Amino acid sequence: MKDPIIAPSILSADFYDMRAAVQTIEASGCSWLHLDVMDGRFVPPITFGNKMVADIRKHTNLFMDAHLMIMEPERHIHSFIEGGADAITFHAEACIHSHRSVQAIRHAGKKAGISIVPSTPVGTIVPLLEFVDQVLVMTVNPGYGGQKLLPFCLRKIDELREIRERERLNFLIAIDGGINLTTIPEIAIHQPDVLIMGSAFFNAQNPKDFVANTFAAWDHAIEKCD
């Protein structure tokens, strides 16, 4: 199995120096940048809007995934597309007409993702799986960085992989929350495609070494399973 994509989340970066945060991601060898957009309604905190995305876009070629943790995401999808996001991921729990929103994202030539919180079963999004490019499984209750992984959420990865293989679909499976060098062995056996990492990445003394150590821990865990 190939190594997963590591997508550092700037939620855990120093907002005073966002340029340095983006440069740190680039220097680490990661190719994805995860942007947690929070509105204070769907989740308690408020983070930033489409201007942050647009300003970052001017200075990097990283693949930018805007994770809209907001109510009524369909009202804001186009502003984040115009801001330069390469992918828009929104929550099934926050959008009544999810299929319409997926269509709007893909019609704009962007990747469409659907996300579910820990209490939402995979079954609620099965009708959308043939249309999306990514499914984001939250492995913590969203809103705050640095939380502990909820192990029961990892079973959703297995369920999604089974559906993907059976139906011959192509979506990526991403997970977000509580991912660090301690939890990688537990996560790797479920084989998600994308690891969204915030505090573990930005709190590392050397993020580039941290990424290398993550891949090493991943490969070791997979070898033990074979």
C-alpha atoms as a PDB file:
ATOM      1  CA  MET A   1       0.000   0.000   0.000  1.00  0.00           C
ATOM      2  CA  LYS A   2       1.228   3.498  -0.817  1.00  0.00           C
ATOM      3  CA  ASP A   3       1.862   6.032   1.924  1.00  0.00           C
ATOM      4  CA  PRO A   4      -1.072   8.270   2.853  1.00  0.00           C
ATOM      5  CA  ILE A   5      -1.334  11.930   1.961  1.00  0.00           C
ATOM      6  CA  ILE A   6      -0.519  14.117   4.952  1.00  0.00           C
ATOM      7  CA  ALA A   7      -2.542  17.338   4.992  1.00  0.00           C
ATOM      8  CA  PRO A   8      -1.432  19.750   7.730  1.00  0.00           C
ATOM      9  CA  SER A   9      -4.251  21.850   9.127  1.00  0.00           C
ATOM     10  CA  ILE A  10      -3.490  25.507   9.711  1.00  0.00           C
ATOM     11  CA  LEU A  11      -6.020  25.511  12.544  1.00  0.00           C
ATOM     12  CA  SER A  12      -3.024  24.705  14.756  1.00  0.00           C
ATOM     13  CA  ALA A  13      -0.702  27.242  13.153  1.00  0.00           C
ATOM     14  CA  ASP A  14       0.204  30.663  14.534  1.00  0.00           C
ATOM     15  CA  PHE A  15      -2.335  32.928  12.845  1.00  0.00           C
ATOM     16  CA  TYR A  16      -0.018  35.881  13.460  1.00  0.00           C
ATOM     17  CA  ASP A  17       2.471  34.392  10.993  1.00  0.00           C
ATOM     18  CA  MET A  18       0.496  32.475   8.398  1.00  0.00           C
ATOM     19  CA  ARG A  19       3.207  32.914   5.777  1.00  0.00           C
ATOM     20  CA  ALA A  20       5.654  30.955   7.944  1.00  0.00           C
ATOM     21  CA  ALA A  21       3.027  28.259   8.528  1.00  0.00           C
ATOM     22  CA  VAL A  22       2.531  27.739   4.799  1.00  0.00           C
ATOM     23  CA  GLN A  23       6.272  27.724   4.198  1.00  0.00           C
ATOM     24  CA  THR A  24       6.685  25.118   6.948  1.00  0.00           C
ATOM     25  CA  ILE A  25       4.174  22.866   5.200  1.00  0.00           C
ATOM     26  CA  GLU A  26       5.972  23.292   1.871  1.00  0.00           C
ATOM     27  CA  ALA A  27       9.372  22.601   3.448  1.00  0.00           C
ATOM     28  CA  SER A  28       8.060  19.425   5.086  1.00  0.00           C
ATOM     29  CA  GLY A  29       7.370  17.866   1.702  1.00  0.00           C
ATOM     30  CA  CYS A  30       3.592  17.803   2.173  1.00  0.00           C
ATOM     31  CA  SER A  31       1.555  18.764  -0.885  1.00  0.00           C
ATOM     32  CA  TRP A  32      -1.827  19.436   0.788  1.00  0.00           C
ATOM     33  CA  LEU A  33      -3.005  22.281   2.997  1.00  0.00           C
ATOM     34  CA  HIS A  34      -6.166  21.824   5.084  1.00  0.00           C
ATOM     35  CA  LEU A  35      -8.225  24.896   5.955  1.00  0.00           C
ATOM     36  CA  ASP A  36     -10.728  24.543   8.806  1.00  0.00           C
ATOM     37  CA  VAL A  37     -13.455  27.133   8.298  1.00  0.00           C
ATOM     38  CA  MET A  38     -15.654  27.494  11.405  1.00  0.00           C
ATOM     39  CA  ASP A  39     -18.680  29.728  11.892  1.00  0.00           C
ATOM     40  CA  GLY A  40     -19.412  29.561  15.620  1.00  0.00           C
ATOM     41  CA  ARG A  41     -22.692  27.763  14.905  1.00  0.00           C
ATOM     42  CA  PHE A  42     -21.969  24.313  13.495  1.00  0.00           C
ATOM     43  CA  VAL A  43     -18.971  24.202  15.824  1.00  0.00           C
ATOM     44  CA  PRO A  44     -18.329  26.589  18.752  1.00  0.00           C
ATOM     45  CA  PRO A  45     -15.247  28.479  17.485  1.00  0.00           C
ATOM     46  CA  ILE A  46     -14.948  31.003  14.678  1.00  0.00           C
ATOM     47  CA  THR A  47     -11.808  30.817  12.545  1.00  0.00           C
ATOM     48  CA  PHE A  48     -11.636  32.595   9.175  1.00  0.00           C
ATOM     49  CA  GLY A  49     -13.398  33.044   5.861  1.00  0.00           C
ATOM     50  CA  ASN A  50     -12.709  33.020   2.161  1.00  0.00           C
ATOM     51  CA  LYS A  51     -10.289  35.969   2.308  1.00  0.00           C
ATOM     52  CA  MET A  52      -7.797  33.828   4.207  1.00  0.00           C
ATOM     53  CA  VAL A  53      -8.030  31.233   1.452  1.00  0.00           C
ATOM     54  CA  ALA A  54      -7.618  33.853  -1.263  1.00  0.00           C
ATOM     55  CA  ASP A  55      -4.605  35.459   0.423  1.00  0.00           C
ATOM     56  CA  ILE A  56      -2.847  32.122   0.923  1.00  0.00           C
ATOM     57  CA  ARG A  57      -3.610  31.082  -2.653  1.00  0.00           C
ATOM     58  CA  LYS A  58      -1.526  33.992  -3.965  1.00  0.00           C
ATOM     59  CA  HIS A  59       1.613  32.596  -2.385  1.00  0.00           C
ATOM     60  CA  THR A  60       1.505  28.793  -2.698  1.00  0.00           C
ATOM     61  CA  ASN A  61       0.834  25.962  -5.125  1.00  0.00           C
ATOM     62  CA  LEU A  62      -0.206  23.580  -2.358  1.00  0.00           C
ATOM     63  CA  PHE A  63      -3.456  21.681  -2.905  1.00  0.00           C
ATOM     64  CA  MET A  64      -5.921  23.571  -0.710  1.00  0.00           C
ATOM     65  CA  ASP A  65      -8.891  21.752   0.811  1.00  0.00           C
ATOM     66  CA  ALA A  66     -11.391  24.100   2.454  1.00  0.00           C
ATOM     67  CA  HIS A  67     -13.247  22.172   5.163  1.00  0.00           C
ATOM     68  CA  LEU A  68     -16.468  24.089   5.745  1.00  0.00           C
ATOM     69  CA  MET A  69     -17.553  23.391   9.319  1.00  0.00           C
ATOM     70  CA  ILE A  70     -20.414  25.820   8.902  1.00  0.00           C
ATOM     71  CA  MET A  71     -24.188  25.826   8.742  1.00  0.00           C
ATOM     72  CA  GLU A  72     -25.730  26.187   5.288  1.00  0.00           C
ATOM     73  CA  PRO A  73     -22.426  25.662   3.452  1.00  0.00           C
ATOM     74  CA  GLU A  74     -24.213  25.981   0.127  1.00  0.00           C
ATOM     75  CA  ARG A  75     -24.403  29.751   0.748  1.00  0.00           C
ATOM     76  CA  HIS A  76     -20.607  30.062   0.823  1.00  0.00           C
ATOM     77  CA  ILE A  77     -19.282  27.371  -1.517  1.00  0.00           C
ATOM     78  CA  HIS A  78     -18.756  29.734  -4.448  1.00  0.00           C
ATOM     79  CA  SER A  79     -16.849  32.301  -2.392  1.00  0.00           C
ATOM     80  CA  PHE A  80     -14.306  29.664  -1.401  1.00  0.00           C
ATOM     81  CA  ILE A  81     -14.082  28.416  -4.966  1.00  0.00           C
ATOM     82  CA  GLU A  82     -13.419  31.987  -6.097  1.00  0.00           C
ATOM     83  CA  GLY A  83     -10.868  32.284  -3.307  1.00  0.00           C
ATOM     84  CA  GLY A  84      -8.828  29.527  -4.922  1.00  0.00           C
ATOM     85  CA  ALA A  85      -9.620  26.368  -2.968  1.00  0.00           C
ATOM     86  CA  ASP A  86      -8.908  23.203  -4.945  1.00  0.00           C
ATOM     87  CA  ALA A  87     -11.417  21.164  -2.954  1.00  0.00           C
ATOM     88  CA  ILE A  88     -14.462  22.019  -0.895  1.00  0.00           C
ATOM     89  CA  THR A  89     -15.481  19.626   1.865  1.00  0.00           C
ATOM     90  CA  PHE A  90     -18.724  20.286   3.713  1.00  0.00           C
ATOM     91  CA  HIS A  91     -20.677  18.476   6.413  1.00  0.00           C
ATOM     92  CA  ALA A  92     -23.624  16.264   5.600  1.00  0.00           C
ATOM     93  CA  GLU A  93     -25.169  17.309   8.925  1.00  0.00           C
ATOM     94  CA  ALA A  94     -25.154  20.989   7.945  1.00  0.00           C
ATOM     95  CA  CYS A  95     -26.605  20.794   4.433  1.00  0.00           C
ATOM     96  CA  ILE A  96     -30.101  19.709   3.430  1.00  0.00           C
ATOM     97  CA  HIS A  97     -29.424  19.435  -0.301  1.00  0.00           C
ATOM     98  CA  SER A  98     -26.000  17.796  -0.209  1.00  0.00           C
ATOM     99  CA  HIS A  99     -26.191  16.354  -3.705  1.00  0.00           C
ATOM    100  CA  ARG A 100     -26.907  19.791  -5.155  1.00  0.00           C
ATOM    101  CA  SER A 101     -23.897  21.195  -3.312  1.00  0.00           C
ATOM    102  CA  VAL A 102     -21.655  18.410  -4.588  1.00  0.00           C
ATOM    103  CA  GLN A 103     -22.865  19.138  -8.118  1.00  0.00           C
ATOM    104  CA  ALA A 104     -22.106  22.842  -7.717  1.00  0.00           C
ATOM    105  CA  ILE A 105     -18.558  22.145  -6.551  1.00  0.00           C
ATOM    106  CA  ARG A 106     -17.779  19.696  -9.327  1.00  0.00           C
ATOM    107  CA  HIS A 107     -19.424  21.884 -11.963  1.00  0.00           C
ATOM    108  CA  ALA A 108     -16.906  24.565 -10.970  1.00  0.00           C
ATOM    109  CA  GLY A 109     -14.099  22.120 -11.700  1.00  0.00           C
ATOM    110  CA  LYS A 110     -13.182  21.536  -8.049  1.00  0.00           C
ATOM    111  CA  LYS A 111     -12.990  18.397  -5.926  1.00  0.00           C
ATOM    112  CA  ALA A 112     -16.047  17.769  -3.768  1.00  0.00           C
ATOM    113  CA  GLY A 113     -15.839  16.268  -0.300  1.00  0.00           C
ATOM    114  CA  ILE A 114     -18.450  15.260   2.247  1.00  0.00           C
ATOM    115  CA  SER A 115     -17.668  15.024   5.963  1.00  0.00           C
ATOM    116  CA  ILE A 116     -19.375  13.305   8.890  1.00  0.00           C
ATOM    117  CA  VAL A 117     -19.004  13.856  12.636  1.00  0.00           C
ATOM    118  CA  PRO A 118     -18.424  10.932  15.023  1.00  0.00           C
ATOM    119  CA  SER A 119     -22.131  10.429  15.752  1.00  0.00           C
ATOM    120  CA  THR A 120     -23.131  10.227  12.070  1.00  0.00           C
ATOM    121  CA  PRO A 121     -23.151   6.742  10.501  1.00  0.00           C
ATOM    122  CA  VAL A 122     -21.713   6.081   7.059  1.00  0.00           C
ATOM    123  CA  GLY A 123     -25.134   4.935   5.874  1.00  0.00           C
ATOM    124  CA  THR A 124     -26.402   8.515   5.776  1.00  0.00           C
ATOM    125  CA  ILE A 125     -24.036   9.441   2.937  1.00  0.00           C
ATOM    126  CA  VAL A 126     -24.069   6.236   0.876  1.00  0.00           C
ATOM    127  CA  PRO A 127     -26.240   7.809  -1.872  1.00  0.00           C
ATOM    128  CA  LEU A 128     -23.551  10.486  -2.371  1.00  0.00           C
ATOM    129  CA  LEU A 129     -20.497   8.258  -2.591  1.00  0.00           C
ATOM    130  CA  GLU A 130     -20.582   7.829  -6.353  1.00  0.00           C
ATOM    131  CA  PHE A 131     -20.484  11.605  -6.795  1.00  0.00           C
ATOM    132  CA  VAL A 132     -17.815  12.740  -4.306  1.00  0.00           C
ATOM    133  CA  ASP A 133     -14.040  12.865  -4.557  1.00  0.00           C
ATOM    134  CA  GLN A 134     -13.399  12.595  -0.822  1.00  0.00           C
ATOM    135  CA  VAL A 135     -15.100  11.455   2.364  1.00  0.00           C
ATOM    136  CA  LEU A 136     -13.761  13.048   5.536  1.00  0.00           C
ATOM    137  CA  VAL A 137     -14.359  11.017   8.683  1.00  0.00           C
ATOM    138  CA  MET A 138     -14.049  13.136  11.808  1.00  0.00           C
ATOM    139  CA  THR A 139     -12.278  11.112  14.483  1.00  0.00           C
ATOM    140  CA  VAL A 140     -12.944  13.741  17.142  1.00  0.00           C
ATOM    141  CA  ASN A 141     -15.918  15.980  17.753  1.00  0.00           C
ATOM    142  CA  PRO A 142     -15.032  18.926  15.509  1.00  0.00           C
ATOM    143  CA  GLY A 143     -14.191  22.402  16.674  1.00  0.00           C
ATOM    144  CA  TYR A 144     -10.929  22.234  18.595  1.00  0.00           C
ATOM    145  CA  GLY A 145      -7.431  20.980  17.862  1.00  0.00           C
ATOM    146  CA  GLY A 146      -5.432  18.711  20.139  1.00  0.00           C
ATOM    147  CA  GLN A 147      -8.257  16.318  21.051  1.00  0.00           C
ATOM    148  CA  LYS A 148      -7.854  12.579  21.593  1.00  0.00           C
ATOM    149  CA  LEU A 149      -8.844  10.243  18.794  1.00  0.00           C
ATOM    150  CA  LEU A 150     -12.162   8.403  19.204  1.00  0.00           C
ATOM    151  CA  PRO A 151     -11.277   4.813  18.198  1.00  0.00           C
ATOM    152  CA  PHE A 152     -14.828   3.779  17.303  1.00  0.00           C
ATOM    153  CA  CYS A 153     -14.721   6.209  14.369  1.00  0.00           C
ATOM    154  CA  LEU A 154     -12.021   4.138  12.667  1.00  0.00           C
ATOM    155  CA  ARG A 155     -14.557   1.426  11.842  1.00  0.00           C
ATOM    156  CA  LYS A 156     -16.121   3.868   9.400  1.00  0.00           C
ATOM    157  CA  ILE A 157     -12.945   3.707   7.310  1.00  0.00           C
ATOM    158  CA  ASP A 158     -13.376  -0.046   6.915  1.00  0.00           C
ATOM    159  CA  GLU A 159     -17.004   0.417   5.947  1.00  0.00           C
ATOM    160  CA  LEU A 160     -16.148   3.056   3.366  1.00  0.00           C
ATOM    161  CA  ARG A 161     -13.339   0.988   1.892  1.00  0.00           C
ATOM    162  CA  GLU A 162     -15.671  -1.985   1.548  1.00  0.00           C
ATOM    163  CA  ILE A 163     -18.277   0.114  -0.272  1.00  0.00           C
ATOM    164  CA  ARG A 164     -15.633   1.687  -2.493  1.00  0.00           C
ATOM    165  CA  GLU A 165     -14.267  -1.669  -3.545  1.00  0.00           C
ATOM    166  CA  ARG A 166     -17.656  -3.297  -4.012  1.00  0.00           C
ATOM    167  CA  GLU A 167     -19.096  -0.437  -6.056  1.00  0.00           C
ATOM    168  CA  ARG A 168     -15.804   0.341  -7.852  1.00  0.00           C
ATOM    169  CA  LEU A 169     -15.766   3.951  -6.737  1.00  0.00           C
ATOM    170  CA  ASN A 170     -12.805   6.329  -6.579  1.00  0.00           C
ATOM    171  CA  PHE A 171     -13.261   8.655  -3.582  1.00  0.00           C
ATOM    172  CA  LEU A 172     -10.450   9.213  -1.093  1.00  0.00           C
ATOM    173  CA  ILE A 173     -11.007   8.462   2.587  1.00  0.00           C
ATOM    174  CA  ALA A 174      -9.636  11.150   4.892  1.00  0.00           C
ATOM    175  CA  ILE A 175      -9.601  11.299   8.678  1.00  0.00           C
ATOM    176  CA  ASP A 176      -9.213  14.280  10.952  1.00  0.00           C
ATOM    177  CA  GLY A 177      -8.638  14.412  14.701  1.00  0.00           C
ATOM    178  CA  GLY A 178      -6.218  12.991  17.220  1.00  0.00           C
ATOM    179  CA  ILE A 179      -3.648  11.816  14.662  1.00  0.00           C
ATOM    180  CA  ASN A 180      -0.085  11.669  15.965  1.00  0.00           C
ATOM    181  CA  LEU A 181       2.855   9.261  16.185  1.00  0.00           C
ATOM    182  CA  THR A 182       1.196   7.451  19.095  1.00  0.00           C
ATOM    183  CA  THR A 183      -2.056   6.782  17.239  1.00  0.00           C
ATOM    184  CA  ILE A 184      -0.585   6.080  13.781  1.00  0.00           C
ATOM    185  CA  PRO A 185      -0.171   2.308  14.421  1.00  0.00           C
ATOM    186  CA  GLU A 186      -3.854   2.066  15.382  1.00  0.00           C
ATOM    187  CA  ILE A 187      -4.906   4.110  12.360  1.00  0.00           C
ATOM    188  CA  ALA A 188      -2.669   2.497   9.741  1.00  0.00           C
ATOM    189  CA  ILE A 189      -4.341  -0.915   9.908  1.00  0.00           C
ATOM    190  CA  HIS A 190      -7.551   0.719   8.648  1.00  0.00           C
ATOM    191  CA  GLN A 191      -5.672   2.293   5.716  1.00  0.00           C
ATOM    192  CA  PRO A 192      -7.219   5.742   5.171  1.00  0.00           C
ATOM    193  CA  ASP A 193      -5.867   7.708   2.209  1.00  0.00           C
ATOM    194  CA  VAL A 194      -5.489  11.160   3.798  1.00  0.00           C
ATOM    195  CA  LEU A 195      -4.317  12.100   7.293  1.00  0.00           C
ATOM    196  CA  ILE A 196      -5.249  15.600   8.418  1.00  0.00           C
ATOM    197  CA  MET A 197      -2.838  16.601  11.155  1.00  0.00           C
ATOM    198  CA  GLY A 198      -2.821  19.848  13.080  1.00  0.00           C
ATOM    199  CA  SER A 199      -1.243  20.163  16.499  1.00  0.00           C
ATOM    200  CA  ALA A 200       1.036  17.126  16.062  1.00  0.00           C
ATOM    201  CA  PHE A 201       2.517  18.682  12.927  1.00  0.00           C
ATOM    202  CA  PHE A 202       2.871  22.281  14.061  1.00  0.00           C
ATOM    203  CA  ASN A 203       4.066  21.381  17.561  1.00  0.00           C
ATOM    204  CA  ALA A 204       6.810  19.136  16.188  1.00  0.00           C
ATOM    205  CA  GLN A 205      10.345  20.422  16.717  1.00  0.00           C
ATOM    206  CA  ASN A 206      11.116  19.586  13.093  1.00  0.00           C
ATOM    207  CA  PRO A 207       7.967  19.127  10.957  1.00  0.00           C
ATOM    208  CA  LYS A 208       9.921  17.594   8.067  1.00  0.00           C
ATOM    209  CA  ASP A 209      11.328  14.916  10.381  1.00  0.00           C
ATOM    210  CA  PHE A 210       7.875  14.457  11.867  1.00  0.00           C
ATOM    211  CA  VAL A 211       6.451  13.680   8.431  1.00  0.00           C
ATOM    212  CA  ALA A 212       9.236  11.184   7.776  1.00  0.00           C
ATOM    213  CA  ASN A 213       8.651   9.552  11.158  1.00  0.00           C
ATOM    214  CA  THR A 214       4.923   9.365  10.438  1.00  0.00           C
ATOM    215  CA  PHE A 215       5.547   7.489   7.206  1.00  0.00           C
ATOM    216  CA  ALA A 216       8.007   5.175   8.990  1.00  0.00           C
ATOM    217  CA  ALA A 217       5.504   4.400  11.758  1.00  0.00           C
ATOM    218  CA  TRP A 218       2.816   3.827   9.124  1.00  0.00           C
ATOM    219  CA  ASP A 219       4.965   1.404   7.120  1.00  0.00           C
ATOM    220  CA  HIS A 220       5.979  -0.467  10.271  1.00  0.00           C
ATOM    221  CA  ALA A 221       2.364  -0.881  11.336  1.00  0.00           C
ATOM    222  CA  ILE A 222       1.377  -2.172   7.894  1.00  0.00           C
ATOM    223  CA  GLU A 223       4.287  -4.645   7.834  1.00  0.00           C
ATOM    224  CA  LYS A 224       3.194  -6.056  11.211  1.00  0.00           C
ATOM    225  CA  CYS A 225      -0.285  -6.699   9.792  1.00  0.00           C
ATOM    226  CA  ASP A 226       0.969  -8.547   6.703  1.00  0.00           C
END
